[in-house]
Amino acid sequence: MSNLKGTGMLAVWCDVPATVEQEFNEWYNEEHIYERLSVPGILSAARYEAIVNGPKHLAVYELESVEVLQSAAYLELKSNPSEWSKKMSPDVIASRYIRNVYEQIFPDAVDAVTSTSGLAPALQIGRMGIPTEQEEEWNEWYNTIYIPNYETVPGVIRGRRYKTIEGSPAYMTFYEMESTGTSQTEEWFKQQTAHPSNASMREAMQHEADSPGIWQKTFEPS
């Protein structure tokens, strides 16, 4: 079975004007996402729409590694956009546009189950920074306590953490879930106070204004 996940991720969020949204979705689903998937090392991709917070549109590209985005094949596509891309690309039409490149930091390797699993039906994503003086302790807590506890919640498929290579803020937490309701349950909220370290570590996090957000999958190439 082909690998569908690696150690890198490209995530693109945007809001677009309602007047062009239908054509934007057609462009993305009929042309753009397939162009990107033609690049060796871009392993899988899917599109999502926001249920809680935003921006509304999210495209996730699972990468063999972040180096894929420096490959000749990828740079060739970026340098020679189609006429439709010149018209509909989010860096042209979006009222809000975030493009971040990430490298996985937790788990420290991609296991066989994860590497061959498709993109989840729903995501909860947190984008945050942390003061430098607390960074080491915070990362240790996140990796050994916080994510493992959330992974016990029914409906949580897995949690992954990323360091931002291009863009901001410095970190992203990426929970794959069976439904958008998974992170709205009593079991989920119990984890916020399940460990003595949680209060101080959660307080130290510097979340983006619209973070965390919840997204539901709307399109995945067959």
C-alpha atoms as a PDB file:
ATOM      1  CA  MET A   1       0.000   0.000   0.000  1.00  0.00           C
ATOM      2  CA  SER A   2       1.288   3.471  -0.885  1.00  0.00           C
ATOM      3  CA  ASN A   3       2.194   5.885   1.894  1.00  0.00           C
ATOM      4  CA  LEU A   4      -0.382   8.620   2.448  1.00  0.00           C
ATOM      5  CA  LYS A   5       1.401  10.489   5.229  1.00  0.00           C
ATOM      6  CA  GLY A   6       4.985  11.517   5.862  1.00  0.00           C
ATOM      7  CA  THR A   7       6.827  13.947   8.121  1.00  0.00           C
ATOM      8  CA  GLY A   8       5.825  17.149   6.350  1.00  0.00           C
ATOM      9  CA  MET A   9       2.595  19.060   5.831  1.00  0.00           C
ATOM     10  CA  LEU A  10       1.436  22.022   3.797  1.00  0.00           C
ATOM     11  CA  ALA A  11      -1.724  23.657   5.141  1.00  0.00           C
ATOM     12  CA  VAL A  12      -3.528  26.448   3.314  1.00  0.00           C
ATOM     13  CA  TRP A  13      -6.380  28.376   4.934  1.00  0.00           C
ATOM     14  CA  CYS A  14      -8.418  31.080   3.230  1.00  0.00           C
ATOM     15  CA  ASP A  15     -11.634  33.038   3.084  1.00  0.00           C
ATOM     16  CA  VAL A  16     -12.873  34.035  -0.357  1.00  0.00           C
ATOM     17  CA  PRO A  17     -15.640  36.410  -1.463  1.00  0.00           C
ATOM     18  CA  ALA A  18     -19.049  34.756  -1.797  1.00  0.00           C
ATOM     19  CA  THR A  19     -19.280  35.991  -5.384  1.00  0.00           C
ATOM     20  CA  VAL A  20     -16.413  33.701  -6.479  1.00  0.00           C
ATOM     21  CA  GLU A  21     -16.753  30.845  -4.002  1.00  0.00           C
ATOM     22  CA  GLN A  22     -18.483  28.420  -6.358  1.00  0.00           C
ATOM     23  CA  GLU A  23     -15.844  28.824  -9.058  1.00  0.00           C
ATOM     24  CA  PHE A  24     -13.087  28.728  -6.442  1.00  0.00           C
ATOM     25  CA  ASN A  25     -14.324  25.325  -5.237  1.00  0.00           C
ATOM     26  CA  GLU A  26     -14.598  24.053  -8.817  1.00  0.00           C
ATOM     27  CA  TRP A  27     -11.047  25.186  -9.574  1.00  0.00           C
ATOM     28  CA  TYR A  28      -9.687  23.591  -6.427  1.00  0.00           C
ATOM     29  CA  ASN A  29     -11.517  20.272  -6.789  1.00  0.00           C
ATOM     30  CA  GLU A  30     -11.222  19.858 -10.543  1.00  0.00           C
ATOM     31  CA  GLU A  31      -7.734  21.196 -11.264  1.00  0.00           C
ATOM     32  CA  HIS A  32      -5.571  22.555  -8.473  1.00  0.00           C
ATOM     33  CA  ILE A  33      -5.520  19.679  -5.996  1.00  0.00           C
ATOM     34  CA  TYR A  34      -4.778  17.162  -8.763  1.00  0.00           C
ATOM     35  CA  GLU A  35      -1.905  19.299 -10.061  1.00  0.00           C
ATOM     36  CA  ARG A  36      -0.342  19.295  -6.606  1.00  0.00           C
ATOM     37  CA  LEU A  37      -0.841  15.549  -6.190  1.00  0.00           C
ATOM     38  CA  SER A  38       1.081  14.983  -9.426  1.00  0.00           C
ATOM     39  CA  VAL A  39       4.260  16.130  -7.626  1.00  0.00           C
ATOM     40  CA  PRO A  40       6.366  13.221  -6.324  1.00  0.00           C
ATOM     41  CA  GLY A  41       6.363  13.329  -2.531  1.00  0.00           C
ATOM     42  CA  ILE A  42       2.962  14.982  -2.132  1.00  0.00           C
ATOM     43  CA  LEU A  43       1.328  11.857  -0.759  1.00  0.00           C
ATOM     44  CA  SER A  44      -2.323  12.814  -0.210  1.00  0.00           C
ATOM     45  CA  ALA A  45      -4.592  15.822   0.134  1.00  0.00           C
ATOM     46  CA  ALA A  46      -8.068  16.846   1.187  1.00  0.00           C
ATOM     47  CA  ARG A  47     -10.160  19.967   1.616  1.00  0.00           C
ATOM     48  CA  TYR A  48     -12.127  21.023   4.685  1.00  0.00           C
ATOM     49  CA  GLU A  49     -14.595  23.722   5.730  1.00  0.00           C
ATOM     50  CA  ALA A  50     -14.706  25.334   9.159  1.00  0.00           C
ATOM     51  CA  ILE A  51     -17.348  24.392  11.710  1.00  0.00           C
ATOM     52  CA  VAL A  52     -15.808  26.367  14.590  1.00  0.00           C
ATOM     53  CA  ASN A  53     -13.565  29.413  13.993  1.00  0.00           C
ATOM     54  CA  GLY A  54     -11.742  29.688  10.688  1.00  0.00           C
ATOM     55  CA  PRO A  55     -10.756  30.660   8.055  1.00  0.00           C
ATOM     56  CA  LYS A  56     -13.542  28.808   6.249  1.00  0.00           C
ATOM     57  CA  HIS A  57     -11.502  26.897   3.670  1.00  0.00           C
ATOM     58  CA  LEU A  58      -8.617  24.592   4.539  1.00  0.00           C
ATOM     59  CA  ALA A  59      -6.526  22.408   2.233  1.00  0.00           C
ATOM     60  CA  VAL A  60      -4.176  19.850   3.794  1.00  0.00           C
ATOM     61  CA  TYR A  61      -1.320  18.275   1.845  1.00  0.00           C
ATOM     62  CA  GLU A  62       0.551  15.384   3.457  1.00  0.00           C
ATOM     63  CA  LEU A  63       4.211  15.449   2.395  1.00  0.00           C
ATOM     64  CA  GLU A  64       6.910  12.823   2.410  1.00  0.00           C
ATOM     65  CA  SER A  65       9.059  15.619   3.881  1.00  0.00           C
ATOM     66  CA  VAL A  66       9.181  19.404   3.753  1.00  0.00           C
ATOM     67  CA  GLU A  67      11.920  19.145   1.112  1.00  0.00           C
ATOM     68  CA  VAL A  68       9.242  18.165  -1.419  1.00  0.00           C
ATOM     69  CA  LEU A  69       8.300  21.839  -1.645  1.00  0.00           C
ATOM     70  CA  GLN A  70      11.795  22.660  -2.884  1.00  0.00           C
ATOM     71  CA  SER A  71      11.748  19.984  -5.593  1.00  0.00           C
ATOM     72  CA  ALA A  72      12.020  20.838  -9.269  1.00  0.00           C
ATOM     73  CA  ALA A  73       8.586  19.358  -9.966  1.00  0.00           C
ATOM     74  CA  TYR A  74       6.852  21.498  -7.335  1.00  0.00           C
ATOM     75  CA  LEU A  75       8.701  24.687  -8.230  1.00  0.00           C
ATOM     76  CA  GLU A  76       7.881  24.157 -11.888  1.00  0.00           C
ATOM     77  CA  LEU A  77       4.161  24.042 -11.085  1.00  0.00           C
ATOM     78  CA  LYS A  78       4.372  27.123  -8.889  1.00  0.00           C
ATOM     79  CA  SER A  79       6.268  29.052 -11.554  1.00  0.00           C
ATOM     80  CA  ASN A  80       3.871  28.155 -14.377  1.00  0.00           C
ATOM     81  CA  PRO A  81       0.304  28.449 -13.123  1.00  0.00           C
ATOM     82  CA  SER A  82      -2.597  27.691 -15.430  1.00  0.00           C
ATOM     83  CA  GLU A  83      -4.857  30.488 -16.614  1.00  0.00           C
ATOM     84  CA  TRP A  84      -7.526  29.258 -14.189  1.00  0.00           C
ATOM     85  CA  SER A  85      -5.005  29.354 -11.337  1.00  0.00           C
ATOM     86  CA  LYS A  86      -3.995  32.908 -12.198  1.00  0.00           C
ATOM     87  CA  LYS A  87      -7.652  33.838 -11.809  1.00  0.00           C
ATOM     88  CA  MET A  88      -8.716  31.759  -8.783  1.00  0.00           C
ATOM     89  CA  SER A  89      -5.638  31.136  -6.636  1.00  0.00           C
ATOM     90  CA  PRO A  90      -6.255  32.186  -3.023  1.00  0.00           C
ATOM     91  CA  ASP A  91      -3.179  34.403  -3.014  1.00  0.00           C
ATOM     92  CA  VAL A  92      -5.027  36.387  -5.710  1.00  0.00           C
ATOM     93  CA  ILE A  93      -8.652  36.420  -4.547  1.00  0.00           C
ATOM     94  CA  ALA A  94      -8.718  35.576  -0.843  1.00  0.00           C
ATOM     95  CA  SER A  95      -9.747  38.126   1.742  1.00  0.00           C
ATOM     96  CA  ARG A  96      -7.678  36.118   4.224  1.00  0.00           C
ATOM     97  CA  TYR A  97      -4.883  33.737   3.267  1.00  0.00           C
ATOM     98  CA  ILE A  98      -2.567  31.617   5.430  1.00  0.00           C
ATOM     99  CA  ARG A  99      -0.020  29.243   3.911  1.00  0.00           C
ATOM    100  CA  ASN A 100       2.124  27.329   6.393  1.00  0.00           C
ATOM    101  CA  VAL A 101       4.685  24.571   5.932  1.00  0.00           C
ATOM    102  CA  TYR A 102       5.166  22.187   8.847  1.00  0.00           C
ATOM    103  CA  GLU A 103       7.553  19.478  10.000  1.00  0.00           C
ATOM    104  CA  GLN A 104       6.267  16.791  12.357  1.00  0.00           C
ATOM    105  CA  ILE A 105       7.788  16.792  15.842  1.00  0.00           C
ATOM    106  CA  PHE A 106       5.402  14.358  17.572  1.00  0.00           C
ATOM    107  CA  PRO A 107       5.369  11.442  17.217  1.00  0.00           C
ATOM    108  CA  ASP A 108       9.047  11.440  16.275  1.00  0.00           C
ATOM    109  CA  ALA A 109       8.388   8.927  13.467  1.00  0.00           C
ATOM    110  CA  VAL A 110       5.481   7.999  11.208  1.00  0.00           C
ATOM    111  CA  ASP A 111       4.307   4.491  12.041  1.00  0.00           C
ATOM    112  CA  ALA A 112       2.911   2.002   9.528  1.00  0.00           C
ATOM    113  CA  VAL A 113      -0.728   2.522  10.533  1.00  0.00           C
ATOM    114  CA  THR A 114      -0.506   6.301  10.264  1.00  0.00           C
ATOM    115  CA  SER A 115       1.452   6.297   7.009  1.00  0.00           C
ATOM    116  CA  THR A 116      -1.206   4.254   5.210  1.00  0.00           C
ATOM    117  CA  SER A 117      -4.311   5.947   6.640  1.00  0.00           C
ATOM    118  CA  GLY A 118      -6.341   8.497   4.740  1.00  0.00           C
ATOM    119  CA  LEU A 119      -7.158  11.998   5.883  1.00  0.00           C
ATOM    120  CA  ALA A 120      -9.657  12.130   8.725  1.00  0.00           C
ATOM    121  CA  PRO A 121     -13.320  13.138   8.389  1.00  0.00           C
ATOM    122  CA  ALA A 122     -12.786  15.966  10.884  1.00  0.00           C
ATOM    123  CA  LEU A 123      -9.909  17.953  12.348  1.00  0.00           C
ATOM    124  CA  GLN A 124      -9.284  20.106  15.375  1.00  0.00           C
ATOM    125  CA  ILE A 125      -6.265  22.326  14.821  1.00  0.00           C
ATOM    126  CA  GLY A 126      -4.509  24.583  17.276  1.00  0.00           C
ATOM    127  CA  ARG A 127      -1.968  27.178  16.123  1.00  0.00           C
ATOM    128  CA  MET A 128       0.095  28.651  18.909  1.00  0.00           C
ATOM    129  CA  GLY A 129       3.380  29.952  20.214  1.00  0.00           C
ATOM    130  CA  ILE A 130       5.067  29.606  23.597  1.00  0.00           C
ATOM    131  CA  PRO A 131       7.521  31.858  25.493  1.00  0.00           C
ATOM    132  CA  THR A 132      11.099  30.706  24.907  1.00  0.00           C
ATOM    133  CA  GLU A 133      11.813  30.194  28.598  1.00  0.00           C
ATOM    134  CA  GLN A 134       8.983  27.632  28.852  1.00  0.00           C
ATOM    135  CA  GLU A 135       9.392  25.987  25.458  1.00  0.00           C
ATOM    136  CA  GLU A 136      11.311  22.872  26.509  1.00  0.00           C
ATOM    137  CA  GLU A 137       9.027  22.075  29.448  1.00  0.00           C
ATOM    138  CA  TRP A 138       5.928  22.822  27.387  1.00  0.00           C
ATOM    139  CA  ASN A 139       6.952  20.517  24.534  1.00  0.00           C
ATOM    140  CA  GLU A 140       7.706  17.703  26.973  1.00  0.00           C
ATOM    141  CA  TRP A 141       4.301  18.149  28.630  1.00  0.00           C
ATOM    142  CA  TYR A 142       2.473  18.318  25.288  1.00  0.00           C
ATOM    143  CA  ASN A 143       4.120  15.156  23.949  1.00  0.00           C
ATOM    144  CA  THR A 144       4.003  12.996  27.059  1.00  0.00           C
ATOM    145  CA  ILE A 145       0.821  14.118  28.811  1.00  0.00           C
ATOM    146  CA  TYR A 146      -1.517  16.335  26.839  1.00  0.00           C
ATOM    147  CA  ILE A 147      -1.792  14.588  23.468  1.00  0.00           C
ATOM    148  CA  PRO A 148      -1.702  11.026  24.904  1.00  0.00           C
ATOM    149  CA  ASN A 149      -4.589  11.909  27.225  1.00  0.00           C
ATOM    150  CA  TYR A 150      -6.666  13.372  24.405  1.00  0.00           C
ATOM    151  CA  GLU A 151      -6.003  10.254  22.326  1.00  0.00           C
ATOM    152  CA  THR A 152      -7.997   8.271  24.916  1.00  0.00           C
ATOM    153  CA  VAL A 153     -11.160  10.243  24.063  1.00  0.00           C
ATOM    154  CA  PRO A 154     -13.646   8.238  21.971  1.00  0.00           C
ATOM    155  CA  GLY A 155     -13.589   9.447  18.371  1.00  0.00           C
ATOM    156  CA  VAL A 156     -10.007  10.750  18.433  1.00  0.00           C
ATOM    157  CA  ILE A 157      -8.048   8.906  15.751  1.00  0.00           C
ATOM    158  CA  ARG A 158      -4.665  10.429  16.605  1.00  0.00           C
ATOM    159  CA  GLY A 159      -2.891  13.631  17.525  1.00  0.00           C
ATOM    160  CA  ARG A 160       0.174  15.004  15.779  1.00  0.00           C
ATOM    161  CA  ARG A 161       2.325  18.071  16.503  1.00  0.00           C
ATOM    162  CA  TYR A 162       4.278  20.225  14.077  1.00  0.00           C
ATOM    163  CA  LYS A 163       6.933  22.916  14.113  1.00  0.00           C
ATOM    164  CA  THR A 164       6.333  25.692  11.594  1.00  0.00           C
ATOM    165  CA  ILE A 165       8.990  25.854   8.872  1.00  0.00           C
ATOM    166  CA  GLU A 166       7.317  28.602   6.812  1.00  0.00           C
ATOM    167  CA  GLY A 167       4.671  30.901   8.255  1.00  0.00           C
ATOM    168  CA  SER A 168       3.521  31.515  11.817  1.00  0.00           C
ATOM    169  CA  PRO A 169       2.918  30.924  14.696  1.00  0.00           C
ATOM    170  CA  ALA A 170       5.669  28.498  15.748  1.00  0.00           C
ATOM    171  CA  TYR A 171       3.583  25.379  16.476  1.00  0.00           C
ATOM    172  CA  MET A 172       0.526  23.487  15.273  1.00  0.00           C
ATOM    173  CA  THR A 173      -1.410  20.693  16.973  1.00  0.00           C
ATOM    174  CA  PHE A 174      -3.377  18.505  14.562  1.00  0.00           C
ATOM    175  CA  TYR A 175      -6.070  16.190  15.956  1.00  0.00           C
ATOM    176  CA  GLU A 176      -7.685  13.771  13.516  1.00  0.00           C
ATOM    177  CA  MET A 177     -11.219  12.896  14.564  1.00  0.00           C
ATOM    178  CA  GLU A 178     -14.115  10.714  13.488  1.00  0.00           C
ATOM    179  CA  SER A 179     -16.549  13.651  13.608  1.00  0.00           C
ATOM    180  CA  THR A 180     -16.674  17.355  14.337  1.00  0.00           C
ATOM    181  CA  GLY A 181     -18.468  16.542  17.594  1.00  0.00           C
ATOM    182  CA  THR A 182     -15.568  14.522  18.993  1.00  0.00           C
ATOM    183  CA  SER A 183     -13.906  17.531  20.607  1.00  0.00           C
ATOM    184  CA  GLN A 184     -17.205  18.836  21.983  1.00  0.00           C
ATOM    185  CA  THR A 185     -17.864  15.908  24.321  1.00  0.00           C
ATOM    186  CA  GLU A 186     -17.669  15.714  28.100  1.00  0.00           C
ATOM    187  CA  GLU A 187     -14.788  13.243  27.781  1.00  0.00           C
ATOM    188  CA  TRP A 188     -12.796  15.748  25.702  1.00  0.00           C
ATOM    189  CA  PHE A 189     -13.345  18.653  28.068  1.00  0.00           C
ATOM    190  CA  LYS A 190     -12.343  16.524  31.063  1.00  0.00           C
ATOM    191  CA  GLN A 191      -8.845  16.268  29.602  1.00  0.00           C
ATOM    192  CA  GLN A 192      -8.314  20.008  29.958  1.00  0.00           C
ATOM    193  CA  THR A 193      -7.954  19.570  33.731  1.00  0.00           C
ATOM    194  CA  ALA A 194      -6.945  15.887  33.893  1.00  0.00           C
ATOM    195  CA  HIS A 195      -3.314  16.510  34.925  1.00  0.00           C
ATOM    196  CA  PRO A 196      -1.809  18.900  37.485  1.00  0.00           C
ATOM    197  CA  SER A 197       0.466  20.478  34.849  1.00  0.00           C
ATOM    198  CA  ASN A 198      -2.367  21.345  32.476  1.00  0.00           C
ATOM    199  CA  ALA A 199      -3.433  24.654  34.011  1.00  0.00           C
ATOM    200  CA  SER A 200      -0.027  26.348  33.882  1.00  0.00           C
ATOM    201  CA  MET A 201       0.950  24.896  30.501  1.00  0.00           C
ATOM    202  CA  ARG A 202      -2.381  25.805  28.881  1.00  0.00           C
ATOM    203  CA  GLU A 203      -2.106  29.323  30.288  1.00  0.00           C
ATOM    204  CA  ALA A 204       1.374  29.697  28.795  1.00  0.00           C
ATOM    205  CA  MET A 205       0.179  28.884  25.259  1.00  0.00           C
ATOM    206  CA  GLN A 206      -0.220  31.881  22.962  1.00  0.00           C
ATOM    207  CA  HIS A 207      -3.063  30.805  20.667  1.00  0.00           C
ATOM    208  CA  GLU A 208      -3.948  32.634  17.494  1.00  0.00           C
ATOM    209  CA  ALA A 209      -7.221  34.563  17.845  1.00  0.00           C
ATOM    210  CA  ASP A 210      -9.229  31.928  15.945  1.00  0.00           C
ATOM    211  CA  SER A 211      -7.475  28.907  17.438  1.00  0.00           C
ATOM    212  CA  PRO A 212      -8.351  26.162  18.026  1.00  0.00           C
ATOM    213  CA  GLY A 213     -10.695  25.561  15.116  1.00  0.00           C
ATOM    214  CA  ILE A 214     -12.712  22.578  13.905  1.00  0.00           C
ATOM    215  CA  TRP A 215     -12.981  21.590  10.230  1.00  0.00           C
ATOM    216  CA  GLN A 216     -15.072  19.007   8.363  1.00  0.00           C
ATOM    217  CA  LYS A 217     -13.828  17.252   5.253  1.00  0.00           C
ATOM    218  CA  THR A 218     -15.585  18.321   2.067  1.00  0.00           C
ATOM    219  CA  PHE A 219     -13.427  16.867  -0.709  1.00  0.00           C
ATOM    220  CA  GLU A 220     -10.796  14.165  -1.090  1.00  0.00           C
ATOM    221  CA  PRO A 221      -9.560  13.034  -4.520  1.00  0.00           C
ATOM    222  CA  SER A 222     -10.441   9.440  -5.281  1.00  0.00           C
END
